Amino acid sequence: MSMSAFFRALRNAYQSEMDDLTFDSEGRDVLKKRLLEKRSQISFLGQMIESSPEMVAVVFHGGFHFELPAVMEQILTLESDEFPDWDSLSDAVQLTPWAKDLAHFFLQQPQGAWFMTVAAALEYLYSRPSPHQSDAAHSHDTSAHEGDGVRTHTRHLDHGHDFDADDDHHHADHDHEEASAEWLEGQGFDRKD
């Protein structure tokens, strides 16, 4: 699935913004402190949601849970004027309690619903593992545990949950995929077979 020009342009800017917030000049991790400072400036940031959404979206870092990753993957293919309504994403994207409070403020802004979709997509893009990381982690897990009878545990960031990679979770993945496909079909997208 290809990413839209809109998200390709914002991906690196969002990554840079997160990098700038993460470490101070001495290399210490100060992300939590800086995010709290930025979240205290939402009145000012609300004025920037259209011109620099990537600089504002960082305030939601850690505030989204992605229940239907296929929906987020589909959104990443859309241009900025093609987004579904934010309210229609409620099954795909859950907000933590503190993020709901922030969202309430932004949703009162003229382009707030649009911005929330952008923020969720950028955070999803930031937090999902690249295909290369996933392949490397899988081959490492397989080679490290071949023949030793130890059950392998894998973290699946794209679902936002820790779980064992066993048959029960294969069915859960299938259920997520089916729910995502149904949601996308309800939004007018063609169903993949």
C-alpha atoms as a PDB file:
ATOM      1  CA  MET A   1       0.000   0.000   0.000  1.00  0.00           C
ATOM      2  CA  SER A   2       1.476   3.354  -0.985  1.00  0.00           C
ATOM      3  CA  MET A   3       1.487   6.399   1.260  1.00  0.00           C
ATOM      4  CA  SER A   4      -0.056   9.645   0.021  1.00  0.00           C
ATOM      5  CA  ALA A   5       2.143  12.626  -0.812  1.00  0.00           C
ATOM      6  CA  PHE A   6       0.568  14.441   2.159  1.00  0.00           C
ATOM      7  CA  PHE A   7       1.768  11.876   4.709  1.00  0.00           C
ATOM      8  CA  ARG A   8       5.116  11.346   2.970  1.00  0.00           C
ATOM      9  CA  ALA A   9       5.749  15.076   3.403  1.00  0.00           C
ATOM     10  CA  LEU A  10       4.736  15.099   7.073  1.00  0.00           C
ATOM     11  CA  ARG A  11       6.380  11.812   8.153  1.00  0.00           C
ATOM     12  CA  ASN A  12       9.944  13.157   8.341  1.00  0.00           C
ATOM     13  CA  ALA A  13       8.834  16.448   9.868  1.00  0.00           C
ATOM     14  CA  TYR A  14       6.978  14.573  12.635  1.00  0.00           C
ATOM     15  CA  GLN A  15       9.991  12.313  13.222  1.00  0.00           C
ATOM     16  CA  SER A  16      12.250  15.377  13.466  1.00  0.00           C
ATOM     17  CA  GLU A  17       9.878  17.057  15.900  1.00  0.00           C
ATOM     18  CA  MET A  18       9.869  13.947  18.099  1.00  0.00           C
ATOM     19  CA  ASP A  19      13.679  13.733  17.912  1.00  0.00           C
ATOM     20  CA  ASP A  20      13.997  17.400  18.923  1.00  0.00           C
ATOM     21  CA  LEU A  21      11.742  16.854  21.916  1.00  0.00           C
ATOM     22  CA  THR A  22      13.387  13.628  23.068  1.00  0.00           C
ATOM     23  CA  PHE A  23      16.934  14.666  24.005  1.00  0.00           C
ATOM     24  CA  ASP A  24      18.491  17.786  25.493  1.00  0.00           C
ATOM     25  CA  SER A  25      21.887  19.176  24.467  1.00  0.00           C
ATOM     26  CA  GLU A  26      23.638  16.748  26.840  1.00  0.00           C
ATOM     27  CA  GLY A  27      21.864  13.705  25.394  1.00  0.00           C
ATOM     28  CA  ARG A  28      19.487  13.150  28.325  1.00  0.00           C
ATOM     29  CA  ASP A  29      15.994  11.848  27.569  1.00  0.00           C
ATOM     30  CA  VAL A  30      13.649  14.746  28.348  1.00  0.00           C
ATOM     31  CA  LEU A  31      10.679  13.734  26.193  1.00  0.00           C
ATOM     32  CA  LYS A  32       8.179  13.382  29.033  1.00  0.00           C
ATOM     33  CA  LYS A  33       9.037  16.818  30.451  1.00  0.00           C
ATOM     34  CA  ARG A  34       8.936  18.537  27.067  1.00  0.00           C
ATOM     35  CA  LEU A  35       5.643  16.914  26.098  1.00  0.00           C
ATOM     36  CA  LEU A  36       4.085  18.159  29.358  1.00  0.00           C
ATOM     37  CA  GLU A  37       5.335  21.673  28.560  1.00  0.00           C
ATOM     38  CA  LYS A  38       3.962  21.493  25.023  1.00  0.00           C
ATOM     39  CA  ARG A  39       0.593  20.184  26.260  1.00  0.00           C
ATOM     40  CA  SER A  40       0.337  23.206  28.548  1.00  0.00           C
ATOM     41  CA  GLN A  41       0.506  25.464  25.459  1.00  0.00           C
ATOM     42  CA  ILE A  42      -2.502  24.071  23.579  1.00  0.00           C
ATOM     43  CA  SER A  43      -4.197  27.457  23.198  1.00  0.00           C
ATOM     44  CA  PHE A  44      -1.225  28.686  21.180  1.00  0.00           C
ATOM     45  CA  LEU A  45      -0.792  25.356  19.372  1.00  0.00           C
ATOM     46  CA  GLY A  46      -4.450  25.379  18.331  1.00  0.00           C
ATOM     47  CA  GLN A  47      -3.594  28.206  15.933  1.00  0.00           C
ATOM     48  CA  MET A  48      -1.059  25.999  14.121  1.00  0.00           C
ATOM     49  CA  ILE A  49      -3.142  22.904  13.366  1.00  0.00           C
ATOM     50  CA  GLU A  50      -3.499  23.722   9.658  1.00  0.00           C
ATOM     51  CA  SER A  51      -0.130  25.317   8.953  1.00  0.00           C
ATOM     52  CA  SER A  52       2.087  22.924  10.969  1.00  0.00           C
ATOM     53  CA  PRO A  53       0.027  19.917  12.076  1.00  0.00           C
ATOM     54  CA  GLU A  54       3.138  17.810  12.676  1.00  0.00           C
ATOM     55  CA  MET A  55       4.409  20.268  15.293  1.00  0.00           C
ATOM     56  CA  VAL A  56       1.101  20.148  17.156  1.00  0.00           C
ATOM     57  CA  ALA A  57       0.359  16.431  16.728  1.00  0.00           C
ATOM     58  CA  VAL A  58       3.250  15.479  19.003  1.00  0.00           C
ATOM     59  CA  VAL A  59       1.162  16.517  22.020  1.00  0.00           C
ATOM     60  CA  PHE A  60      -0.815  13.283  21.460  1.00  0.00           C
ATOM     61  CA  HIS A  61       2.283  11.062  21.584  1.00  0.00           C
ATOM     62  CA  GLY A  62       1.333   7.985  23.586  1.00  0.00           C
ATOM     63  CA  GLY A  63      -2.335   8.971  23.684  1.00  0.00           C
ATOM     64  CA  PHE A  64      -3.739   6.751  20.923  1.00  0.00           C
ATOM     65  CA  HIS A  65      -4.521   3.027  20.876  1.00  0.00           C
ATOM     66  CA  PHE A  66      -4.986   1.654  17.373  1.00  0.00           C
ATOM     67  CA  GLU A  67      -7.630  -1.052  17.439  1.00  0.00           C
ATOM     68  CA  LEU A  68      -7.973  -1.484  13.661  1.00  0.00           C
ATOM     69  CA  PRO A  69      -4.531  -1.010  12.075  1.00  0.00           C
ATOM     70  CA  ALA A  70      -5.855  -1.665   8.557  1.00  0.00           C
ATOM     71  CA  VAL A  71      -8.008   1.452   8.887  1.00  0.00           C
ATOM     72  CA  MET A  72      -4.945   3.516   9.761  1.00  0.00           C
ATOM     73  CA  GLU A  73      -3.025   1.979   6.854  1.00  0.00           C
ATOM     74  CA  GLN A  74      -5.860   3.058   4.543  1.00  0.00           C
ATOM     75  CA  ILE A  75      -5.868   6.605   5.953  1.00  0.00           C
ATOM     76  CA  LEU A  76      -2.146   6.875   5.199  1.00  0.00           C
ATOM     77  CA  THR A  77      -2.999   6.476   1.495  1.00  0.00           C
ATOM     78  CA  LEU A  78      -5.392   9.457   1.536  1.00  0.00           C
ATOM     79  CA  GLU A  79      -4.644  13.057   0.669  1.00  0.00           C
ATOM     80  CA  SER A  80      -5.555  15.765   3.186  1.00  0.00           C
ATOM     81  CA  ASP A  81      -8.946  16.508   1.615  1.00  0.00           C
ATOM     82  CA  GLU A  82     -10.065  12.844   1.531  1.00  0.00           C
ATOM     83  CA  PHE A  83     -10.229  11.961   5.237  1.00  0.00           C
ATOM     84  CA  PRO A  84     -13.294  10.274   6.724  1.00  0.00           C
ATOM     85  CA  ASP A  85     -15.066  12.041   9.583  1.00  0.00           C
ATOM     86  CA  TRP A  86     -13.135  11.829  12.843  1.00  0.00           C
ATOM     87  CA  ASP A  87     -16.208  10.422  14.595  1.00  0.00           C
ATOM     88  CA  SER A  88     -16.280   7.506  12.151  1.00  0.00           C
ATOM     89  CA  LEU A  89     -12.830   6.431  13.394  1.00  0.00           C
ATOM     90  CA  SER A  90     -14.008   5.733  16.948  1.00  0.00           C
ATOM     91  CA  ASP A  91     -13.771   1.945  16.469  1.00  0.00           C
ATOM     92  CA  ALA A  92     -10.302   2.186  14.925  1.00  0.00           C
ATOM     93  CA  VAL A  93      -8.700   4.743  17.256  1.00  0.00           C
ATOM     94  CA  GLN A  94      -9.130   4.920  21.020  1.00  0.00           C
ATOM     95  CA  LEU A  95      -7.858   7.817  23.124  1.00  0.00           C
ATOM     96  CA  THR A  96      -6.395   7.585  26.619  1.00  0.00           C
ATOM     97  CA  PRO A  97      -8.241   9.688  29.230  1.00  0.00           C
ATOM     98  CA  TRP A  98      -5.696  12.530  29.155  1.00  0.00           C
ATOM     99  CA  ALA A  99      -5.721  12.534  25.335  1.00  0.00           C
ATOM    100  CA  LYS A 100      -9.542  12.784  25.349  1.00  0.00           C
ATOM    101  CA  ASP A 101      -9.226  16.040  27.299  1.00  0.00           C
ATOM    102  CA  LEU A 102      -6.790  17.428  24.722  1.00  0.00           C
ATOM    103  CA  ALA A 103      -8.952  16.195  21.846  1.00  0.00           C
ATOM    104  CA  HIS A 104     -11.966  18.004  23.309  1.00  0.00           C
ATOM    105  CA  PHE A 105     -10.085  21.296  22.962  1.00  0.00           C
ATOM    106  CA  PHE A 106      -8.878  20.625  19.417  1.00  0.00           C
ATOM    107  CA  LEU A 107     -12.256  19.372  18.213  1.00  0.00           C
ATOM    108  CA  GLN A 108     -13.713  22.796  19.045  1.00  0.00           C
ATOM    109  CA  GLN A 109     -11.349  24.405  16.510  1.00  0.00           C
ATOM    110  CA  PRO A 110     -12.590  24.955  12.922  1.00  0.00           C
ATOM    111  CA  GLN A 111     -10.299  22.245  11.486  1.00  0.00           C
ATOM    112  CA  GLY A 112     -10.113  20.197  14.676  1.00  0.00           C
ATOM    113  CA  ALA A 113     -11.628  16.965  13.342  1.00  0.00           C
ATOM    114  CA  TRP A 114      -9.286  17.063  10.347  1.00  0.00           C
ATOM    115  CA  PHE A 115      -6.336  17.683  12.666  1.00  0.00           C
ATOM    116  CA  MET A 116      -7.263  14.761  14.939  1.00  0.00           C
ATOM    117  CA  THR A 117      -7.165  12.416  11.944  1.00  0.00           C
ATOM    118  CA  VAL A 118      -3.755  13.790  10.950  1.00  0.00           C
ATOM    119  CA  ALA A 119      -2.445  13.469  14.532  1.00  0.00           C
ATOM    120  CA  ALA A 120      -3.651   9.873  14.840  1.00  0.00           C
ATOM    121  CA  ALA A 121      -2.159   8.911  11.471  1.00  0.00           C
ATOM    122  CA  LEU A 122       1.205  10.524  12.258  1.00  0.00           C
ATOM    123  CA  GLU A 123       1.412   8.830  15.646  1.00  0.00           C
ATOM    124  CA  TYR A 124       0.421   5.515  14.075  1.00  0.00           C
ATOM    125  CA  LEU A 125       3.114   5.959  11.429  1.00  0.00           C
ATOM    126  CA  TYR A 126       5.683   6.884  14.086  1.00  0.00           C
ATOM    127  CA  SER A 127       4.881   3.939  16.348  1.00  0.00           C
ATOM    128  CA  ARG A 128       4.485   1.164  13.797  1.00  0.00           C
ATOM    129  CA  PRO A 129       7.560  -0.949  13.156  1.00  0.00           C
ATOM    130  CA  SER A 130       9.044  -0.775   9.685  1.00  0.00           C
ATOM    131  CA  PRO A 131       8.745  -3.956   7.609  1.00  0.00           C
ATOM    132  CA  HIS A 132      12.532  -4.405   7.926  1.00  0.00           C
ATOM    133  CA  GLN A 133      12.381  -4.285  11.751  1.00  0.00           C
ATOM    134  CA  SER A 134       9.543  -6.773  11.736  1.00  0.00           C
ATOM    135  CA  ASP A 135      11.353  -9.191   9.410  1.00  0.00           C
ATOM    136  CA  ALA A 136      14.595  -8.925  11.392  1.00  0.00           C
ATOM    137  CA  ALA A 137      12.826  -9.446  14.723  1.00  0.00           C
ATOM    138  CA  HIS A 138      10.960 -12.456  13.352  1.00  0.00           C
ATOM    139  CA  SER A 139      14.077 -14.111  11.940  1.00  0.00           C
ATOM    140  CA  HIS A 140      15.964 -13.424  15.194  1.00  0.00           C
ATOM    141  CA  ASP A 141      13.163 -14.936  17.301  1.00  0.00           C
ATOM    142  CA  THR A 142      12.977 -17.974  15.047  1.00  0.00           C
ATOM    143  CA  SER A 143      16.704 -18.647  14.924  1.00  0.00           C
ATOM    144  CA  ALA A 144      17.253 -17.979  18.619  1.00  0.00           C
ATOM    145  CA  HIS A 145      14.566 -20.447  19.687  1.00  0.00           C
ATOM    146  CA  GLU A 146      14.642 -23.133  17.001  1.00  0.00           C
ATOM    147  CA  GLY A 147      14.432 -26.574  18.524  1.00  0.00           C
ATOM    148  CA  ASP A 148      14.735 -25.477  22.139  1.00  0.00           C
ATOM    149  CA  GLY A 149      11.066 -25.980  22.948  1.00  0.00           C
ATOM    150  CA  VAL A 150      10.723 -22.462  24.339  1.00  0.00           C
ATOM    151  CA  ARG A 151       7.594 -20.606  23.326  1.00  0.00           C
ATOM    152  CA  THR A 152       8.490 -17.383  21.534  1.00  0.00           C
ATOM    153  CA  HIS A 153       6.972 -14.109  22.753  1.00  0.00           C
ATOM    154  CA  THR A 154       6.615 -11.299  20.243  1.00  0.00           C
ATOM    155  CA  ARG A 155       5.543  -7.690  20.677  1.00  0.00           C
ATOM    156  CA  HIS A 156       3.152  -6.584  17.968  1.00  0.00           C
ATOM    157  CA  LEU A 157       3.309  -2.784  18.021  1.00  0.00           C
ATOM    158  CA  ASP A 158       0.922  -2.405  15.125  1.00  0.00           C
ATOM    159  CA  HIS A 159      -1.869  -3.716  17.330  1.00  0.00           C
ATOM    160  CA  GLY A 160      -0.728  -1.831  20.435  1.00  0.00           C
ATOM    161  CA  HIS A 161      -0.782  -4.975  22.588  1.00  0.00           C
ATOM    162  CA  ASP A 162       1.735  -7.474  23.956  1.00  0.00           C
ATOM    163  CA  PHE A 163       0.784 -11.073  23.318  1.00  0.00           C
ATOM    164  CA  ASP A 164       2.167 -14.507  22.664  1.00  0.00           C
ATOM    165  CA  ALA A 165       2.470 -15.460  19.034  1.00  0.00           C
ATOM    166  CA  ASP A 166       0.269 -18.529  19.243  1.00  0.00           C
ATOM    167  CA  ASP A 167      -2.852 -19.818  17.494  1.00  0.00           C
ATOM    168  CA  ASP A 168      -5.302 -18.001  19.784  1.00  0.00           C
ATOM    169  CA  HIS A 169      -3.857 -14.701  18.706  1.00  0.00           C
ATOM    170  CA  HIS A 170      -3.847 -15.699  15.061  1.00  0.00           C
ATOM    171  CA  HIS A 171      -7.640 -15.778  15.390  1.00  0.00           C
ATOM    172  CA  ALA A 172      -7.621 -12.386  17.142  1.00  0.00           C
ATOM    173  CA  ASP A 173      -5.566 -10.950  14.255  1.00  0.00           C
ATOM    174  CA  HIS A 174      -8.103 -12.384  11.817  1.00  0.00           C
ATOM    175  CA  ASP A 175     -10.938 -10.777  13.819  1.00  0.00           C
ATOM    176  CA  HIS A 176      -9.124  -7.408  13.717  1.00  0.00           C
ATOM    177  CA  GLU A 177      -8.592  -7.754   9.969  1.00  0.00           C
ATOM    178  CA  GLU A 178     -12.252  -8.652   9.414  1.00  0.00           C
ATOM    179  CA  ALA A 179     -13.443  -5.708  11.543  1.00  0.00           C
ATOM    180  CA  SER A 180     -11.083  -3.389   9.671  1.00  0.00           C
ATOM    181  CA  ALA A 181     -12.322  -4.654   6.311  1.00  0.00           C
ATOM    182  CA  GLU A 182     -15.947  -4.144   7.352  1.00  0.00           C
ATOM    183  CA  TRP A 183     -15.219  -0.608   8.570  1.00  0.00           C
ATOM    184  CA  LEU A 184     -13.414   0.292   5.341  1.00  0.00           C
ATOM    185  CA  GLU A 185     -16.269  -1.123   3.265  1.00  0.00           C
ATOM    186  CA  GLY A 186     -18.737   0.957   5.302  1.00  0.00           C
ATOM    187  CA  GLN A 187     -16.707   4.067   4.458  1.00  0.00           C
ATOM    188  CA  GLY A 188     -16.966   3.350   0.725  1.00  0.00           C
ATOM    189  CA  PHE A 189     -13.609   1.636   0.162  1.00  0.00           C
ATOM    190  CA  ASP A 190     -13.396  -1.526  -1.914  1.00  0.00           C
ATOM    191  CA  ARG A 191     -13.067  -4.713   0.091  1.00  0.00           C
ATOM    192  CA  LYS A 192      -9.798  -6.621  -0.380  1.00  0.00           C
ATOM    193  CA  ASP A 193     -10.062 -10.342  -1.017  1.00  0.00           C
END
